[in-house]
């Protein structure tokens, strides 16, 4: 029973420690015309976050279906 209490506390501490130590991700930045300029994307130092943000910028916008054509 004592081991159960110990594990419960260890899990709680590890969850709280990881939740509090996360930095703000660049994917949380607003994806708009101003932030998606190449000079703003290249200013992101972390390459993984830079690639994720550039990918989000490339996928912004709306789907516009093409007009129906009858050949």
N, C-alpha and C. Protein backbone atom coordinates (compact mmCIF):
# COMPACT_ATOMS: atom_id res chain seq x y z
N UNK A 1 0.83 -1.19 0.00
CA UNK A 1 0.00 0.00 0.00
C UNK A 1 0.87 1.26 0.00
N UNK A 2 1.99 1.18 0.68
CA UNK A 2 2.90 2.33 0.74
C UNK A 2 3.48 2.65 -0.63
N UNK A 3 3.73 1.61 -1.43
CA UNK A 3 4.27 1.81 -2.78
C UNK A 3 3.26 2.53 -3.68
N UNK A 4 1.99 2.22 -3.46
CA UNK A 4 0.94 2.88 -4.24
C UNK A 4 0.92 4.38 -3.99
N UNK A 5 1.05 4.79 -2.74
CA UNK A 5 1.08 6.21 -2.41
C UNK A 5 2.30 6.89 -3.02
N UNK A 6 3.43 6.19 -2.97
CA UNK A 6 4.65 6.74 -3.54
C UNK A 6 4.52 6.94 -5.04
N UNK A 7 3.99 5.93 -5.72
CA UNK A 7 3.80 6.06 -7.18
C UNK A 7 2.81 7.16 -7.52
N UNK A 8 1.78 7.29 -6.72
CA UNK A 8 0.79 8.33 -6.96
C UNK A 8 1.43 9.71 -6.87
N UNK A 9 2.28 9.92 -5.89
CA UNK A 9 2.95 11.21 -5.74
C UNK A 9 3.97 11.44 -6.85
N UNK A 10 4.69 10.40 -7.24
CA UNK A 10 5.67 10.55 -8.32
C UNK A 10 4.99 10.90 -9.64
N UNK A 11 3.88 10.28 -9.92
CA UNK A 11 3.14 10.59 -11.15
C UNK A 11 2.61 12.02 -11.10
N UNK A 12 2.07 12.42 -9.98
CA UNK A 12 1.54 13.78 -9.84
C UNK A 12 2.64 14.82 -10.02
N UNK A 13 3.79 14.59 -9.42
CA UNK A 13 4.90 15.54 -9.53
C UNK A 13 5.42 15.60 -10.97
N UNK A 14 5.49 14.44 -11.63
CA UNK A 14 6.00 14.45 -13.00
C UNK A 14 5.02 15.15 -13.95
N UNK A 15 3.74 14.98 -13.74
CA UNK A 15 2.74 15.67 -14.58
C UNK A 15 2.82 17.18 -14.37
N UNK A 16 2.88 17.60 -13.12
CA UNK A 16 2.96 19.03 -12.84
C UNK A 16 4.27 19.63 -13.35
N UNK A 17 5.34 18.89 -13.25
CA UNK A 17 6.64 19.39 -13.71
C UNK A 17 6.69 19.57 -15.21
N UNK A 18 6.11 18.65 -15.96
CA UNK A 18 6.13 18.78 -17.41
C UNK A 18 5.15 19.84 -17.88
N UNK A 19 4.05 20.00 -17.19
CA UNK A 19 3.06 21.00 -17.60
C UNK A 19 3.57 22.42 -17.38
N UNK A 20 4.34 22.63 -16.34
CA UNK A 20 4.82 23.97 -16.02
C UNK A 20 6.08 24.35 -16.78
N UNK A 21 6.80 23.37 -17.30
CA UNK A 21 8.09 23.69 -17.91
C UNK A 21 8.02 23.88 -19.42
N UNK A 22 6.87 23.76 -20.02
CA UNK A 22 6.78 23.90 -21.47
C UNK A 22 6.84 25.36 -21.86
N UNK A 23 7.63 25.62 -22.92
CA UNK A 23 7.74 26.98 -23.43
C UNK A 23 6.61 27.24 -24.41
N UNK A 24 6.40 28.51 -24.70
CA UNK A 24 5.38 28.87 -25.67
C UNK A 24 5.83 28.43 -27.05
N UNK A 25 5.01 27.67 -27.71
CA UNK A 25 5.35 27.16 -29.03
C UNK A 25 5.09 28.24 -30.07
N UNK A 26 5.89 28.21 -31.12
CA UNK A 26 5.68 29.21 -32.18
C UNK A 26 4.46 28.88 -33.01
N UNK A 27 3.94 27.66 -32.89
CA UNK A 27 2.71 27.34 -33.61
C UNK A 27 1.52 28.03 -32.95
N UNK A 28 1.71 28.56 -31.75
CA UNK A 28 0.67 29.32 -31.08
C UNK A 28 0.60 30.75 -31.59
N UNK A 29 1.56 31.16 -32.41
CA UNK A 29 1.52 32.49 -33.00
C UNK A 29 0.35 32.59 -33.96
N UNK A 30 -0.15 33.76 -34.14
CA UNK A 30 -1.22 33.97 -35.09
C UNK A 30 -0.70 33.77 -36.51
N UNK A 31 -1.37 32.97 -37.29
CA UNK A 31 -0.99 32.77 -38.68
C UNK A 31 -1.77 33.78 -39.50
N UNK A 32 -1.06 34.82 -39.94
CA UNK A 32 -1.69 35.85 -40.76
C UNK A 32 -0.66 36.38 -41.76
N UNK A 33 -1.05 37.34 -42.57
CA UNK A 33 -0.16 37.84 -43.61
C UNK A 33 1.10 38.49 -43.03
N UNK A 34 0.99 39.12 -41.89
CA UNK A 34 2.15 39.80 -41.30
C UNK A 34 3.15 38.81 -40.72
N UNK A 35 2.66 37.84 -39.97
CA UNK A 35 3.58 36.89 -39.33
C UNK A 35 4.12 35.85 -40.30
N UNK A 36 3.50 35.67 -41.44
CA UNK A 36 3.94 34.66 -42.40
C UNK A 36 4.90 35.21 -43.44
N UNK A 37 5.39 36.42 -43.25
CA UNK A 37 6.40 36.94 -44.17
C UNK A 37 7.69 36.16 -43.96
N UNK A 38 8.47 35.95 -45.04
CA UNK A 38 9.69 35.15 -44.92
C UNK A 38 10.68 35.66 -43.87
N UNK A 39 10.80 36.98 -43.73
CA UNK A 39 11.73 37.50 -42.73
C UNK A 39 11.27 37.20 -41.31
N UNK A 40 9.95 37.13 -41.09
CA UNK A 40 9.46 36.79 -39.75
C UNK A 40 9.62 35.30 -39.47
N UNK A 41 9.42 34.48 -40.48
CA UNK A 41 9.60 33.04 -40.30
C UNK A 41 11.06 32.72 -40.05
N UNK A 42 11.95 33.37 -40.77
CA UNK A 42 13.38 33.09 -40.59
C UNK A 42 13.91 33.61 -39.26
N UNK A 43 13.17 34.49 -38.59
CA UNK A 43 13.59 35.00 -37.29
C UNK A 43 13.38 33.99 -36.17
N UNK A 44 12.62 32.92 -36.43
CA UNK A 44 12.39 31.88 -35.43
C UNK A 44 13.66 31.05 -35.33
N UNK A 45 14.24 30.97 -34.15
CA UNK A 45 15.54 30.32 -33.96
C UNK A 45 15.44 28.80 -33.98
N UNK A 46 14.44 28.23 -33.34
CA UNK A 46 14.29 26.78 -33.27
C UNK A 46 13.80 26.25 -34.63
N UNK A 47 14.60 25.41 -35.27
CA UNK A 47 14.29 24.95 -36.63
C UNK A 47 13.03 24.11 -36.69
N UNK A 48 12.75 23.31 -35.67
CA UNK A 48 11.54 22.49 -35.67
C UNK A 48 10.31 23.38 -35.62
N UNK A 49 10.32 24.36 -34.71
CA UNK A 49 9.20 25.29 -34.62
C UNK A 49 9.09 26.15 -35.87
N UNK A 50 10.22 26.49 -36.46
CA UNK A 50 10.22 27.29 -37.68
C UNK A 50 9.54 26.51 -38.82
N UNK A 51 9.86 25.23 -38.94
CA UNK A 51 9.25 24.41 -39.99
C UNK A 51 7.75 24.22 -39.74
N UNK A 52 7.36 24.02 -38.49
CA UNK A 52 5.95 23.85 -38.17
C UNK A 52 5.16 25.12 -38.47
N UNK A 53 5.75 26.26 -38.13
CA UNK A 53 5.05 27.52 -38.39
C UNK A 53 4.98 27.80 -39.89
N UNK A 54 6.05 27.52 -40.62
CA UNK A 54 6.03 27.72 -42.07
C UNK A 54 5.00 26.80 -42.72
N UNK A 55 4.86 25.61 -42.21
CA UNK A 55 3.86 24.68 -42.72
C UNK A 55 2.45 25.20 -42.45
N UNK A 56 2.22 25.76 -41.27
CA UNK A 56 0.91 26.33 -40.94
C UNK A 56 0.62 27.53 -41.83
N UNK A 57 1.65 28.30 -42.16
CA UNK A 57 1.46 29.45 -43.04
C UNK A 57 1.10 28.99 -44.46
N UNK A 58 1.72 27.92 -44.90
CA UNK A 58 1.46 27.42 -46.24
C UNK A 58 0.05 26.85 -46.37
N UNK A 59 -0.50 26.37 -45.27
CA UNK A 59 -1.83 25.76 -45.32
C UNK A 59 -2.95 26.71 -44.95
N UNK A 60 -2.66 27.97 -44.73
CA UNK A 60 -3.73 28.90 -44.35
C UNK A 60 -4.58 29.22 -45.58
N UNK A 61 -5.74 29.72 -45.32
CA UNK A 61 -6.65 30.06 -46.41
C UNK A 61 -7.87 29.17 -46.41
N UNK A 62 -8.65 29.29 -47.44
CA UNK A 62 -9.89 28.54 -47.53
C UNK A 62 -9.91 27.73 -48.82
N UNK A 63 -10.70 26.69 -48.81
CA UNK A 63 -10.87 25.86 -49.99
C UNK A 63 -11.86 26.55 -50.92
N UNK A 64 -11.47 26.70 -52.18
CA UNK A 64 -12.34 27.31 -53.18
C UNK A 64 -12.48 26.31 -54.32
N UNK A 65 -13.65 25.68 -54.43
CA UNK A 65 -13.82 24.71 -55.51
C UNK A 65 -13.83 25.40 -56.86
N UNK A 66 -13.32 24.72 -57.85
CA UNK A 66 -13.30 25.29 -59.20
C UNK A 66 -14.67 25.20 -59.81
N UNK A 67 -14.91 26.03 -60.78
CA UNK A 67 -16.22 26.03 -61.43
C UNK A 67 -16.36 24.76 -62.26
N UNK A 68 -17.58 24.28 -62.35
CA UNK A 68 -17.85 23.04 -63.06
C UNK A 68 -17.72 23.28 -64.55
N UNK A 69 -17.01 22.40 -65.22
CA UNK A 69 -16.83 22.51 -66.66
C UNK A 69 -17.43 21.31 -67.34
N UNK A 70 -18.10 21.58 -68.41
CA UNK A 70 -18.65 20.47 -69.20
C UNK A 70 -17.93 20.48 -70.54
N UNK A 71 -17.21 19.44 -70.80
CA UNK A 71 -16.41 19.39 -72.01
C UNK A 71 -17.24 18.85 -73.11
